[in-house]
Amino acid sequence: MDQSTVMLLVIGLVVILAAVWFYSRQRRSRTLRQQFGPEYERQVRELGNPRRAEAELDRRARRVKRLTIRPLPQDAVTRYAQRWNQEQSRFVDEPKVAVVEADHLVEEVMRERGYPVAEFDQQAADISVDHPRVVENYRAAHEIALRERSGDATTEDLRNAMLYYRELFRELLDDQPRPAGVPNR
């Protein structure tokens, strides 16, 4: 083979490898966008570029895959559903207490399912893997609960927090994570 043939083969191989690399990056991006939905866009905004966002989302997915996330036994589902109904009823007379208890109840269910609950930002990141559709609501509800502790939340804020917590709570009990683009029943 002469030198120009070798050069053409090398250039052809580089072009093929670049095309394969580009295609795999595009496929990875599409997969992560579908899996994480609005959380994908949130991470891109927060981290400044898609590559860093995708690396973070991959890290989350690998972390959650190592956890032992398990469904709740039916008796626990029933028990938690009853407790939720009590907190929801309590909201009428004691909205502040109901929101704080709803926050604790969601954490308790997460813990029993196998999610670590030591630090809120990590909890939200872990939840975003299996429940991307409701993680932003979870963040909003938690923020309202924090504002309530300092006396800065209105009754309407508290009502919204209960609605946000309820969405995640239902998914955690149902054990059927919803893909990002799929509405709740």
Protein backbone atom coordinates (compact mmCIF):
# COMPACT_ATOMS: atom_id res chain seq x y z
CA MET A 1 0.00 0.00 0.00
CA ASP A 2 1.22 3.41 -0.82
CA GLN A 3 1.28 6.29 1.62
CA SER A 4 -1.81 8.05 0.20
CA THR A 5 -3.92 4.87 0.54
CA VAL A 6 -2.84 4.46 4.15
CA MET A 7 -3.65 8.11 4.80
CA LEU A 8 -7.13 7.71 3.26
CA LEU A 9 -7.74 4.60 5.37
CA VAL A 10 -6.66 6.43 8.54
CA ILE A 11 -8.85 9.43 7.70
CA GLY A 12 -11.77 7.10 6.93
CA LEU A 13 -11.26 5.29 10.23
CA VAL A 14 -11.13 8.60 12.13
CA VAL A 15 -14.33 9.76 10.42
CA ILE A 16 -16.09 6.49 11.27
CA LEU A 17 -14.94 6.62 14.90
CA ALA A 18 -16.05 10.25 15.17
CA ALA A 19 -19.46 9.37 13.73
CA VAL A 20 -19.87 6.46 16.16
CA TRP A 21 -18.82 8.67 19.07
CA PHE A 22 -21.21 11.44 17.97
CA TYR A 23 -24.08 8.97 17.54
CA SER A 24 -23.50 7.40 20.96
CA ARG A 25 -23.42 10.86 22.62
CA GLN A 26 -26.68 11.79 20.90
CA ARG A 27 -28.28 8.51 21.95
CA ARG A 28 -27.09 8.97 25.54
CA SER A 29 -28.51 12.50 25.61
CA ARG A 30 -31.87 11.32 24.23
CA THR A 31 -32.02 8.49 26.77
CA LEU A 32 -31.24 10.80 29.69
CA ARG A 33 -33.74 13.41 28.47
CA GLN A 34 -36.44 10.73 28.31
CA GLN A 35 -35.55 9.23 31.67
CA PHE A 36 -35.20 12.49 33.60
CA GLY A 37 -37.56 14.82 31.73
CA PRO A 38 -37.60 18.29 33.29
CA GLU A 39 -34.83 17.27 35.69
CA TYR A 40 -32.49 16.99 32.68
CA GLU A 41 -33.18 20.61 31.71
CA ARG A 42 -32.87 21.73 35.33
CA GLN A 43 -29.42 20.15 35.58
CA VAL A 44 -28.32 21.72 32.29
CA ARG A 45 -29.37 25.15 33.61
CA GLU A 46 -27.79 24.54 37.01
CA LEU A 47 -24.48 23.10 35.79
CA GLY A 48 -24.13 25.23 32.68
CA ASN A 49 -23.79 22.63 29.95
CA PRO A 50 -25.26 19.30 28.81
CA ARG A 51 -22.08 17.26 29.32
CA ARG A 52 -21.77 18.15 32.99
CA ALA A 53 -25.51 17.67 33.48
CA GLU A 54 -25.40 14.26 31.83
CA ALA A 55 -22.42 13.22 33.93
CA GLU A 56 -24.35 14.20 37.07
CA LEU A 57 -27.49 12.35 35.96
CA ASP A 58 -25.41 9.27 35.12
CA ARG A 59 -23.80 9.47 38.55
CA ARG A 60 -27.24 9.60 40.17
CA ALA A 61 -28.50 6.64 38.18
CA ARG A 62 -25.44 4.55 39.10
CA ARG A 63 -25.80 5.51 42.77
CA VAL A 64 -29.49 4.57 42.90
CA LYS A 65 -28.80 1.33 41.06
CA ARG A 66 -26.48 0.32 43.93
CA LEU A 67 -29.23 0.99 46.50
CA THR A 68 -31.73 -1.66 47.47
CA ILE A 69 -34.98 0.09 46.60
CA ARG A 70 -37.87 -2.18 47.44
CA PRO A 71 -41.64 -2.00 47.23
CA LEU A 72 -43.60 -1.66 50.42
CA PRO A 73 -45.54 -4.64 51.72
CA GLN A 74 -49.29 -4.20 51.33
CA ASP A 75 -49.85 -3.74 55.06
CA ALA A 76 -47.33 -0.87 55.08
CA VAL A 77 -49.03 0.71 52.06
CA THR A 78 -52.35 0.58 53.91
CA ARG A 79 -50.83 1.95 57.12
CA TYR A 80 -49.09 4.83 55.34
CA ALA A 81 -52.19 5.66 53.30
CA GLN A 82 -54.19 5.92 56.51
CA ARG A 83 -51.56 8.17 58.06
CA TRP A 84 -51.57 10.37 54.98
CA ASN A 85 -55.33 10.71 55.15
CA GLN A 86 -55.02 11.77 58.80
CA GLU A 87 -52.47 14.44 57.92
CA GLN A 88 -54.57 15.66 55.04
CA SER A 89 -57.57 15.94 57.36
CA ARG A 90 -55.44 17.71 59.95
CA PHE A 91 -54.60 20.38 57.40
CA VAL A 92 -57.98 22.06 57.88
CA ASP A 93 -57.34 22.82 61.55
CA GLU A 94 -53.53 22.75 61.73
CA PRO A 95 -52.01 23.42 58.31
CA LYS A 96 -48.52 24.11 59.66
CA VAL A 97 -48.39 20.88 61.63
CA ALA A 98 -49.86 18.90 58.73
CA VAL A 99 -47.14 20.10 56.33
CA VAL A 100 -44.33 19.31 58.75
CA GLU A 101 -45.81 15.86 59.35
CA ALA A 102 -46.29 15.29 55.62
CA ASP A 103 -42.58 16.04 55.15
CA HIS A 104 -41.72 13.51 57.87
CA LEU A 105 -44.12 10.93 56.44
CA VAL A 106 -42.58 11.17 52.96
CA GLU A 107 -39.13 10.71 54.49
CA GLU A 108 -40.35 7.71 56.48
CA VAL A 109 -41.74 6.04 53.36
CA MET A 110 -38.52 6.77 51.48
CA ARG A 111 -36.47 5.25 54.28
CA GLU A 112 -38.61 2.10 54.36
CA ARG A 113 -38.35 1.80 50.57
CA GLY A 114 -34.54 1.91 50.85
CA TYR A 115 -33.70 5.49 49.91
CA PRO A 116 -31.09 7.15 52.14
CA VAL A 117 -32.63 10.18 53.85
CA ALA A 118 -29.73 11.87 55.60
CA GLU A 119 -29.47 15.03 53.45
CA PHE A 120 -32.28 16.63 51.46
CA ASP A 121 -30.35 17.49 48.27
CA GLN A 122 -29.14 13.89 48.02
CA GLN A 123 -32.68 12.62 48.71
CA ALA A 124 -34.04 14.74 45.86
CA ALA A 125 -31.24 13.59 43.55
CA ASP A 126 -31.96 9.94 44.39
CA ILE A 127 -35.70 10.39 43.93
CA SER A 128 -35.12 12.07 40.55
CA VAL A 129 -33.87 8.77 39.13
CA ASP A 130 -37.07 6.80 39.76
CA HIS A 131 -39.57 9.66 40.08
CA PRO A 132 -38.42 12.44 37.75
CA ARG A 133 -41.93 13.73 37.19
CA VAL A 134 -42.46 14.76 40.81
CA VAL A 135 -38.99 15.62 42.10
CA GLU A 136 -39.39 19.35 41.43
CA ASN A 137 -42.64 19.33 43.37
CA TYR A 138 -40.81 17.58 46.19
CA ARG A 139 -38.20 20.32 46.23
CA ALA A 140 -40.91 22.99 46.23
CA ALA A 141 -42.80 21.30 49.08
CA HIS A 142 -39.64 20.97 51.15
CA GLU A 143 -38.77 24.62 50.54
CA ILE A 144 -42.23 25.63 51.75
CA ALA A 145 -41.82 23.44 54.84
CA LEU A 146 -38.51 25.18 55.57
CA ARG A 147 -40.10 28.60 55.09
CA GLU A 148 -42.89 27.54 57.43
CA ARG A 149 -40.37 26.76 60.16
CA SER A 150 -39.25 30.38 60.01
CA GLY A 151 -42.83 31.66 59.77
CA ASP A 152 -42.62 32.80 56.14
CA ALA A 153 -45.19 30.53 54.46
CA THR A 154 -48.78 31.50 53.75
CA THR A 155 -51.73 29.14 54.08
CA GLU A 156 -51.83 28.92 50.29
CA ASP A 157 -48.15 27.96 50.27
CA LEU A 158 -48.90 25.25 52.82
CA ARG A 159 -51.80 23.96 50.73
CA ASN A 160 -49.50 23.73 47.72
CA ALA A 161 -46.90 21.91 49.80
CA MET A 162 -49.47 19.29 50.76
CA LEU A 163 -50.40 18.83 47.11
CA TYR A 164 -46.74 18.50 46.12
CA TYR A 165 -46.00 16.02 48.89
CA ARG A 166 -49.09 14.03 47.95
CA GLU A 167 -47.84 13.52 44.39
CA LEU A 168 -44.55 12.01 45.54
CA PHE A 169 -46.22 10.12 48.36
CA ARG A 170 -48.62 8.43 45.93
CA GLU A 171 -45.80 7.40 43.63
CA LEU A 172 -43.75 6.04 46.51
CA LEU A 173 -46.69 3.97 47.73
CA ASP A 174 -47.72 2.88 44.26
CA ASP A 175 -44.20 1.61 43.48
CA GLN A 176 -44.70 2.48 39.84
CA PRO A 177 -42.24 5.22 38.90
CA ARG A 178 -43.64 7.40 36.15
CA PRO A 179 -41.42 8.25 33.21
CA ALA A 180 -40.93 11.99 32.89
CA GLY A 181 -43.46 12.50 30.11
CA VAL A 182 -46.25 10.32 31.55
CA PRO A 183 -49.02 12.07 33.51
CA ASN A 184 -50.36 10.68 36.76
CA ARG A 185 -53.60 8.75 36.50
